[in-house]
N, C-alpha and C. Protein backbone atom coordinates (compact mmCIF):
# COMPACT_ATOMS: atom_id res chain seq x y z
N UNK A 1 15.97 -22.60 3.41
CA UNK A 1 14.76 -21.87 3.09
C UNK A 1 13.86 -22.79 2.27
N UNK A 2 12.60 -22.78 2.59
CA UNK A 2 11.64 -23.62 1.87
C UNK A 2 11.41 -23.04 0.47
N UNK A 3 11.05 -23.92 -0.48
CA UNK A 3 10.83 -23.45 -1.86
C UNK A 3 9.79 -22.34 -1.96
N UNK A 4 8.73 -22.42 -1.17
CA UNK A 4 7.69 -21.37 -1.24
C UNK A 4 8.25 -20.04 -0.75
N UNK A 5 9.05 -20.06 0.31
CA UNK A 5 9.66 -18.84 0.82
C UNK A 5 10.60 -18.22 -0.20
N UNK A 6 11.40 -19.08 -0.85
CA UNK A 6 12.31 -18.60 -1.89
C UNK A 6 11.53 -17.97 -3.05
N UNK A 7 10.45 -18.62 -3.47
CA UNK A 7 9.63 -18.10 -4.56
C UNK A 7 9.03 -16.74 -4.19
N UNK A 8 8.49 -16.60 -2.98
CA UNK A 8 7.91 -15.33 -2.55
C UNK A 8 8.95 -14.22 -2.49
N UNK A 9 10.14 -14.55 -1.97
CA UNK A 9 11.21 -13.56 -1.91
C UNK A 9 11.62 -13.13 -3.32
N UNK A 10 11.76 -14.09 -4.24
CA UNK A 10 12.10 -13.78 -5.63
C UNK A 10 11.03 -12.91 -6.27
N UNK A 11 9.76 -13.27 -6.09
CA UNK A 11 8.65 -12.51 -6.68
C UNK A 11 8.62 -11.08 -6.15
N UNK A 12 8.81 -10.90 -4.84
CA UNK A 12 8.81 -9.57 -4.24
C UNK A 12 9.93 -8.72 -4.82
N UNK A 13 11.13 -9.29 -4.91
CA UNK A 13 12.27 -8.57 -5.47
C UNK A 13 12.00 -8.21 -6.93
N UNK A 14 11.51 -9.16 -7.71
CA UNK A 14 11.24 -8.93 -9.14
C UNK A 14 10.17 -7.87 -9.34
N UNK A 15 9.08 -7.90 -8.58
CA UNK A 15 7.99 -6.93 -8.78
C UNK A 15 8.44 -5.52 -8.40
N UNK A 16 9.26 -5.39 -7.38
CA UNK A 16 9.77 -4.07 -7.00
C UNK A 16 10.70 -3.52 -8.08
N UNK A 17 11.53 -4.37 -8.65
CA UNK A 17 12.46 -3.95 -9.68
C UNK A 17 11.74 -3.52 -10.96
N UNK A 18 10.70 -4.23 -11.35
CA UNK A 18 10.02 -3.90 -12.60
C UNK A 18 9.29 -2.58 -12.50
N UNK A 19 8.76 -2.23 -11.37
CA UNK A 19 8.03 -0.97 -11.23
C UNK A 19 8.97 0.23 -11.28
N UNK A 20 10.21 0.08 -10.82
CA UNK A 20 11.16 1.19 -10.82
C UNK A 20 11.61 1.54 -12.23
N UNK A 21 11.52 0.60 -13.17
CA UNK A 21 12.02 0.82 -14.51
C UNK A 21 11.01 1.48 -15.44
N UNK A 22 9.84 1.82 -14.98
CA UNK A 22 8.84 2.45 -15.83
C UNK A 22 9.26 3.88 -16.12
N UNK A 23 9.30 4.26 -17.39
CA UNK A 23 9.64 5.62 -17.77
C UNK A 23 8.36 6.35 -18.16
N UNK A 24 7.76 7.03 -17.21
CA UNK A 24 6.51 7.73 -17.45
C UNK A 24 6.68 8.91 -18.40
N UNK A 25 7.89 9.46 -18.48
CA UNK A 25 8.12 10.60 -19.38
C UNK A 25 7.80 10.24 -20.83
N UNK A 26 8.02 8.99 -21.21
CA UNK A 26 7.76 8.56 -22.58
C UNK A 26 6.27 8.39 -22.88
N UNK A 27 5.50 7.99 -21.88
CA UNK A 27 4.10 7.63 -22.15
C UNK A 27 3.08 8.63 -21.62
N UNK A 28 3.50 9.65 -20.93
CA UNK A 28 2.55 10.56 -20.29
C UNK A 28 1.93 11.56 -21.28
N UNK A 29 2.63 11.88 -22.35
CA UNK A 29 2.11 12.86 -23.30
C UNK A 29 0.80 12.38 -23.91
N UNK A 30 -0.11 13.32 -24.09
CA UNK A 30 -1.41 13.00 -24.68
C UNK A 30 -2.49 13.88 -24.08
N UNK A 31 -3.72 13.54 -24.37
CA UNK A 31 -4.85 14.32 -23.88
C UNK A 31 -5.64 13.51 -22.88
N UNK A 32 -6.01 14.16 -21.78
CA UNK A 32 -6.76 13.53 -20.70
C UNK A 32 -8.02 14.34 -20.44
N UNK A 33 -9.04 13.66 -19.98
CA UNK A 33 -10.29 14.34 -19.66
C UNK A 33 -11.02 13.56 -18.58
N UNK A 34 -11.97 14.21 -17.95
CA UNK A 34 -12.81 13.49 -17.00
C UNK A 34 -13.67 12.51 -17.78
N UNK A 35 -13.97 11.37 -17.20
CA UNK A 35 -14.76 10.37 -17.92
C UNK A 35 -16.12 10.91 -18.35
N UNK A 36 -16.51 10.54 -19.54
CA UNK A 36 -17.81 10.91 -20.08
C UNK A 36 -18.90 10.25 -19.23
N UNK A 37 -19.96 10.96 -18.95
CA UNK A 37 -21.04 10.43 -18.11
C UNK A 37 -21.61 9.14 -18.68
N UNK A 38 -21.58 8.99 -20.00
CA UNK A 38 -22.11 7.78 -20.63
C UNK A 38 -21.19 6.58 -20.43
N UNK A 39 -19.91 6.83 -20.08
CA UNK A 39 -18.96 5.74 -19.90
C UNK A 39 -18.76 5.38 -18.43
N UNK A 40 -19.42 6.05 -17.53
CA UNK A 40 -19.27 5.74 -16.11
C UNK A 40 -19.98 4.43 -15.78
N UNK A 41 -19.37 3.69 -14.90
CA UNK A 41 -19.94 2.41 -14.51
C UNK A 41 -20.83 2.58 -13.28
N UNK A 42 -21.58 1.54 -12.97
CA UNK A 42 -22.40 1.55 -11.77
C UNK A 42 -21.53 1.77 -10.54
N UNK A 43 -20.32 1.19 -10.55
CA UNK A 43 -19.38 1.39 -9.45
C UNK A 43 -19.06 2.87 -9.26
N UNK A 44 -18.82 3.58 -10.37
CA UNK A 44 -18.51 5.01 -10.29
C UNK A 44 -19.63 5.78 -9.60
N UNK A 45 -20.87 5.43 -9.91
CA UNK A 45 -21.99 6.16 -9.34
C UNK A 45 -22.26 5.80 -7.88
N UNK A 46 -22.23 4.51 -7.56
CA UNK A 46 -22.69 4.07 -6.25
C UNK A 46 -21.60 3.87 -5.21
N UNK A 47 -20.47 3.35 -5.60
CA UNK A 47 -19.51 2.91 -4.62
C UNK A 47 -18.26 3.77 -4.50
N UNK A 48 -17.98 4.61 -5.45
CA UNK A 48 -16.75 5.39 -5.39
C UNK A 48 -17.06 6.85 -5.09
N UNK A 49 -16.01 7.55 -4.74
CA UNK A 49 -16.12 8.97 -4.48
C UNK A 49 -15.41 9.76 -5.56
N UNK A 50 -15.58 9.35 -6.83
CA UNK A 50 -14.91 10.07 -7.89
C UNK A 50 -15.50 11.47 -8.03
N UNK A 51 -14.63 12.38 -8.25
CA UNK A 51 -14.96 13.80 -8.34
C UNK A 51 -14.92 14.17 -9.82
N UNK A 52 -16.04 14.40 -10.40
CA UNK A 52 -16.11 14.68 -11.83
C UNK A 52 -16.32 16.16 -12.09
N UNK A 53 -15.35 16.75 -12.70
CA UNK A 53 -15.49 18.12 -13.20
C UNK A 53 -15.24 18.06 -14.70
N UNK A 54 -15.70 19.03 -15.40
CA UNK A 54 -15.44 19.08 -16.83
C UNK A 54 -14.01 19.60 -17.02
N UNK A 55 -13.05 18.69 -17.01
CA UNK A 55 -11.64 19.05 -17.09
C UNK A 55 -11.00 18.38 -18.29
N UNK A 56 -10.18 19.15 -19.02
CA UNK A 56 -9.45 18.63 -20.16
C UNK A 56 -7.98 19.03 -19.98
N UNK A 57 -7.07 18.05 -20.03
CA UNK A 57 -5.64 18.29 -19.83
C UNK A 57 -4.88 17.78 -21.05
N UNK A 58 -4.08 18.66 -21.65
CA UNK A 58 -3.23 18.27 -22.78
C UNK A 58 -1.78 18.35 -22.31
N UNK A 59 -1.11 17.19 -22.30
CA UNK A 59 0.27 17.09 -21.86
C UNK A 59 1.15 16.96 -23.10
N UNK A 60 2.06 17.91 -23.28
CA UNK A 60 2.94 17.92 -24.45
C UNK A 60 4.30 17.30 -24.11
N UNK A 61 4.96 16.72 -25.11
CA UNK A 61 6.27 16.09 -24.91
C UNK A 61 7.35 17.10 -24.53
N UNK A 62 7.15 18.38 -24.86
CA UNK A 62 8.16 19.39 -24.55
C UNK A 62 8.06 19.93 -23.12
N UNK A 63 7.40 19.17 -22.24
CA UNK A 63 7.26 19.47 -20.81
C UNK A 63 6.35 20.67 -20.53
N UNK A 64 5.45 20.98 -21.48
CA UNK A 64 4.43 21.99 -21.24
C UNK A 64 3.07 21.31 -21.22
N UNK A 65 2.08 22.00 -20.69
CA UNK A 65 0.73 21.46 -20.66
C UNK A 65 -0.27 22.60 -20.78
N UNK A 66 -1.49 22.23 -21.13
CA UNK A 66 -2.63 23.14 -21.13
C UNK A 66 -3.76 22.42 -20.41
N UNK A 67 -4.49 23.14 -19.57
CA UNK A 67 -5.61 22.56 -18.85
C UNK A 67 -6.80 23.50 -18.95
N UNK A 68 -7.98 22.93 -19.09
CA UNK A 68 -9.19 23.73 -19.08
C UNK A 68 -10.20 23.05 -18.16
N UNK A 69 -10.71 23.82 -17.22
CA UNK A 69 -11.76 23.33 -16.33
C UNK A 69 -13.03 24.08 -16.67
N UNK A 70 -14.04 23.89 -15.84
CA UNK A 70 -15.30 24.59 -16.09
C UNK A 70 -15.18 26.09 -15.81
N UNK A 71 -14.12 26.53 -15.11
CA UNK A 71 -14.01 27.95 -14.77
C UNK A 71 -12.79 28.67 -15.33
N UNK A 72 -11.75 27.95 -15.70
CA UNK A 72 -10.56 28.63 -16.21
C UNK A 72 -9.78 27.75 -17.19
N UNK A 73 -8.85 28.41 -17.89
CA UNK A 73 -7.90 27.73 -18.75
C UNK A 73 -6.50 28.17 -18.31
N UNK A 74 -5.54 27.25 -18.32
CA UNK A 74 -4.20 27.57 -17.84
C UNK A 74 -3.16 26.84 -18.66
N UNK A 75 -1.93 27.38 -18.63
CA UNK A 75 -0.78 26.76 -19.27
C UNK A 75 0.35 26.75 -18.28
N UNK A 76 1.28 25.80 -18.48
CA UNK A 76 2.41 25.74 -17.58
C UNK A 76 3.39 24.65 -17.97
N UNK A 77 4.20 24.26 -16.97
CA UNK A 77 5.22 23.25 -17.19
C UNK A 77 4.99 22.07 -16.25
N UNK A 78 5.52 20.89 -16.64
CA UNK A 78 5.35 19.69 -15.83
C UNK A 78 6.65 18.91 -15.76
N UNK A 79 6.73 18.01 -14.76
CA UNK A 79 7.81 17.03 -14.66
C UNK A 79 7.29 15.81 -13.92
N UNK A 80 8.01 14.70 -14.05
CA UNK A 80 7.64 13.43 -13.43
C UNK A 80 8.63 13.13 -12.31
N UNK A 81 8.10 12.69 -11.18
CA UNK A 81 8.92 12.20 -10.08
C UNK A 81 8.30 10.90 -9.61
N UNK A 82 9.01 9.79 -9.83
CA UNK A 82 8.52 8.44 -9.53
C UNK A 82 7.21 8.21 -10.28
N UNK A 83 6.08 8.06 -9.56
CA UNK A 83 4.79 7.81 -10.20
C UNK A 83 3.87 9.03 -10.10
N UNK A 84 4.47 10.21 -10.00
CA UNK A 84 3.70 11.43 -9.78
C UNK A 84 3.95 12.44 -10.90
N UNK A 85 2.88 12.97 -11.45
CA UNK A 85 2.91 14.01 -12.48
C UNK A 85 2.76 15.35 -11.76
N UNK A 86 3.83 16.14 -11.73
CA UNK A 86 3.82 17.45 -11.07
C UNK A 86 3.61 18.52 -12.14
N UNK A 87 2.79 19.51 -11.84
CA UNK A 87 2.59 20.59 -12.79
C UNK A 87 2.36 21.91 -12.07
N UNK A 88 2.75 22.99 -12.74
CA UNK A 88 2.59 24.32 -12.16
C UNK A 88 2.13 25.28 -13.26
N UNK A 89 1.14 26.09 -12.94
CA UNK A 89 0.60 27.06 -13.89
C UNK A 89 1.57 28.21 -14.09
N UNK A 90 1.77 28.62 -15.34
CA UNK A 90 2.49 29.86 -15.65
C UNK A 90 1.48 30.98 -15.92
N UNK A 91 0.39 30.62 -16.61
CA UNK A 91 -0.67 31.60 -16.90
C UNK A 91 -2.02 30.98 -16.60
N UNK A 92 -2.95 31.81 -16.22
CA UNK A 92 -4.32 31.35 -15.95
C UNK A 92 -5.28 32.44 -16.40
N UNK A 93 -6.32 32.03 -17.12
CA UNK A 93 -7.34 32.99 -17.60
C UNK A 93 -8.70 32.44 -17.21
N UNK A 94 -9.49 33.27 -16.53
CA UNK A 94 -10.87 32.88 -16.19
C UNK A 94 -11.69 32.87 -17.46
N UNK A 95 -12.59 31.91 -17.60
CA UNK A 95 -13.41 31.81 -18.81
C UNK A 95 -14.46 32.91 -18.88
N UNK A 96 -14.93 33.38 -17.73
CA UNK A 96 -15.81 34.54 -17.71
C UNK A 96 -14.90 35.76 -17.65
N UNK A 97 -14.76 36.46 -18.76
CA UNK A 97 -13.73 37.49 -18.92
C UNK A 97 -13.75 38.55 -17.82
N UNK A 98 -14.91 38.94 -17.35
CA UNK A 98 -14.97 40.00 -16.34
C UNK A 98 -14.26 39.58 -15.04
N UNK A 99 -14.16 38.28 -14.77
CA UNK A 99 -13.48 37.82 -13.56
C UNK A 99 -11.97 38.06 -13.63
N UNK A 100 -11.42 38.17 -14.84
CA UNK A 100 -9.99 38.44 -14.97
C UNK A 100 -9.62 39.81 -14.42
N UNK A 101 -10.60 40.69 -14.28
CA UNK A 101 -10.34 42.06 -13.80
C UNK A 101 -10.92 42.30 -12.42
N UNK A 102 -11.56 41.32 -11.85
CA UNK A 102 -12.14 41.43 -10.51
C UNK A 102 -11.05 41.26 -9.46
N UNK A 103 -11.00 42.14 -8.49
CA UNK A 103 -9.99 42.07 -7.43
C UNK A 103 -10.04 40.76 -6.68
N UNK A 104 -11.24 40.29 -6.36
CA UNK A 104 -11.40 39.04 -5.61
C UNK A 104 -10.84 37.86 -6.41
N UNK A 105 -11.12 37.83 -7.68
CA UNK A 105 -10.68 36.71 -8.51
C UNK A 105 -9.22 36.83 -8.92
N UNK A 106 -8.67 38.05 -8.95
CA UNK A 106 -7.24 38.21 -9.21
C UNK A 106 -6.44 37.59 -8.07
N UNK A 107 -6.91 37.79 -6.85
CA UNK A 107 -6.24 37.20 -5.68
C UNK A 107 -6.30 35.67 -5.75
N UNK A 108 -7.45 35.14 -6.10
CA UNK A 108 -7.60 33.69 -6.22
C UNK A 108 -6.71 33.14 -7.36
N UNK A 109 -6.64 33.89 -8.46
CA UNK A 109 -5.81 33.51 -9.59
C UNK A 109 -4.33 33.43 -9.17
N UNK A 110 -3.88 34.43 -8.41
CA UNK A 110 -2.49 34.43 -7.94
C UNK A 110 -2.20 33.23 -7.04
N UNK A 111 -3.16 32.83 -6.22
CA UNK A 111 -2.98 31.65 -5.36
C UNK A 111 -2.90 30.39 -6.21
N UNK A 112 -3.73 30.28 -7.24
CA UNK A 112 -3.71 29.11 -8.11
C UNK A 112 -2.38 28.98 -8.86
N UNK A 113 -1.82 30.10 -9.28
CA UNK A 113 -0.56 30.09 -10.02
C UNK A 113 0.62 29.80 -9.09
N UNK A 114 0.55 30.25 -7.87
CA UNK A 114 1.67 30.14 -6.94
C UNK A 114 2.02 28.70 -6.58
N UNK A 115 1.04 27.84 -6.46
CA UNK A 115 1.28 26.51 -5.91
C UNK A 115 1.48 25.44 -6.97
N UNK A 116 2.37 24.48 -6.64
CA UNK A 116 2.55 23.30 -7.48
C UNK A 116 1.38 22.36 -7.27
N UNK A 117 1.05 21.62 -8.30
CA UNK A 117 -0.02 20.64 -8.23
C UNK A 117 0.54 19.28 -8.65
N UNK A 118 -0.20 18.23 -8.37
CA UNK A 118 0.27 16.92 -8.75
C UNK A 118 -0.89 15.97 -8.97
N UNK A 119 -0.64 14.95 -9.77
CA UNK A 119 -1.58 13.85 -10.03
C UNK A 119 -0.78 12.56 -9.97
N UNK A 120 -1.36 11.51 -9.42
CA UNK A 120 -0.72 10.21 -9.35
C UNK A 120 -0.97 9.48 -10.66
N UNK A 121 0.08 8.89 -11.23
CA UNK A 121 -0.02 8.17 -12.50
C UNK A 121 -0.37 6.72 -12.22
N UNK A 122 -1.46 6.26 -12.82
CA UNK A 122 -1.85 4.86 -12.73
C UNK A 122 -2.13 4.36 -14.15
N UNK A 123 -2.30 3.04 -14.30
CA UNK A 123 -2.51 2.45 -15.62
C UNK A 123 -3.71 3.06 -16.34
N UNK A 124 -4.78 3.31 -15.60
CA UNK A 124 -6.00 3.78 -16.26
C UNK A 124 -6.23 5.28 -16.16
N UNK A 125 -5.20 6.06 -15.84
CA UNK A 125 -5.36 7.50 -15.85
C UNK A 125 -4.53 8.22 -14.80
N UNK A 126 -4.89 9.47 -14.57
CA UNK A 126 -4.25 10.32 -13.58
C UNK A 126 -5.25 10.57 -12.46
N UNK A 127 -4.79 10.53 -11.21
CA UNK A 127 -5.68 10.65 -10.06
C UNK A 127 -5.13 11.67 -9.07
N UNK A 128 -6.03 12.27 -8.33
CA UNK A 128 -5.64 13.13 -7.21
C UNK A 128 -6.70 13.02 -6.13
N UNK A 129 -6.24 12.75 -4.92
CA UNK A 129 -7.16 12.75 -3.79
C UNK A 129 -7.33 14.18 -3.34
N UNK A 130 -8.53 14.54 -3.00
CA UNK A 130 -8.82 15.89 -2.54
C UNK A 130 -9.92 15.82 -1.49
N UNK A 131 -10.21 16.92 -0.89
CA UNK A 131 -11.24 16.95 0.14
C UNK A 131 -12.20 18.10 -0.16
N UNK A 132 -13.47 17.81 -0.10
CA UNK A 132 -14.49 18.83 -0.28
C UNK A 132 -15.38 18.80 0.95
N UNK A 133 -15.24 19.82 1.79
CA UNK A 133 -15.93 19.78 3.07
C UNK A 133 -15.34 18.67 3.91
N UNK A 134 -16.17 17.75 4.38
CA UNK A 134 -15.70 16.62 5.17
C UNK A 134 -15.51 15.36 4.33
N UNK A 135 -15.84 15.43 3.05
CA UNK A 135 -15.82 14.25 2.19
C UNK A 135 -14.50 14.14 1.43
N UNK A 136 -13.85 12.96 1.51
CA UNK A 136 -12.66 12.68 0.72
C UNK A 136 -13.09 12.27 -0.68
N UNK A 137 -12.51 12.91 -1.68
CA UNK A 137 -12.88 12.65 -3.07
C UNK A 137 -11.65 12.31 -3.89
N UNK A 138 -11.87 11.74 -5.06
CA UNK A 138 -10.78 11.42 -5.98
C UNK A 138 -11.11 12.06 -7.33
N UNK A 139 -10.17 12.87 -7.83
CA UNK A 139 -10.31 13.43 -9.17
C UNK A 139 -9.68 12.44 -10.13
N UNK A 140 -10.35 12.11 -11.21
CA UNK A 140 -9.88 11.11 -12.16
C UNK A 140 -9.87 11.72 -13.57
N UNK A 141 -8.72 11.60 -14.24
CA UNK A 141 -8.60 12.00 -15.65
C UNK A 141 -8.14 10.78 -16.44
N UNK A 142 -8.78 10.50 -17.55
CA UNK A 142 -8.43 9.34 -18.37
C UNK A 142 -7.96 9.81 -19.74
N UNK A 143 -7.10 8.99 -20.37
CA UNK A 143 -6.56 9.31 -21.69
C UNK A 143 -7.58 9.02 -22.76
């Protein structure tokens, strides 16, 4: 085997091994939010499909979390699988109180609580790909 081939094989093996040893459970706790409009770069505005909502996520070390969006606040539990932050709502409250008693919104609330959600863990934050209409978007939360 040529020296360059040996080096590439060693590097590939080493890089795969180092990524498996990351313990996200230790570093995931903290507060996350959508990037402030004043901190967005030209790339964010022109070239990316980042999906910005007013979202605040507090991840606790005891495997619980709290999230607040522009329309609701929720609490629940989370766990890590590989590089993915999984979370599920236990409770959800609409911020406009009358919606908590509306039949239409009770049904929507039950759907939101029923399903598991996830975000991909990356160095600079938590991400989720989503689709709005025909457009693929990325939700980004930063610490």
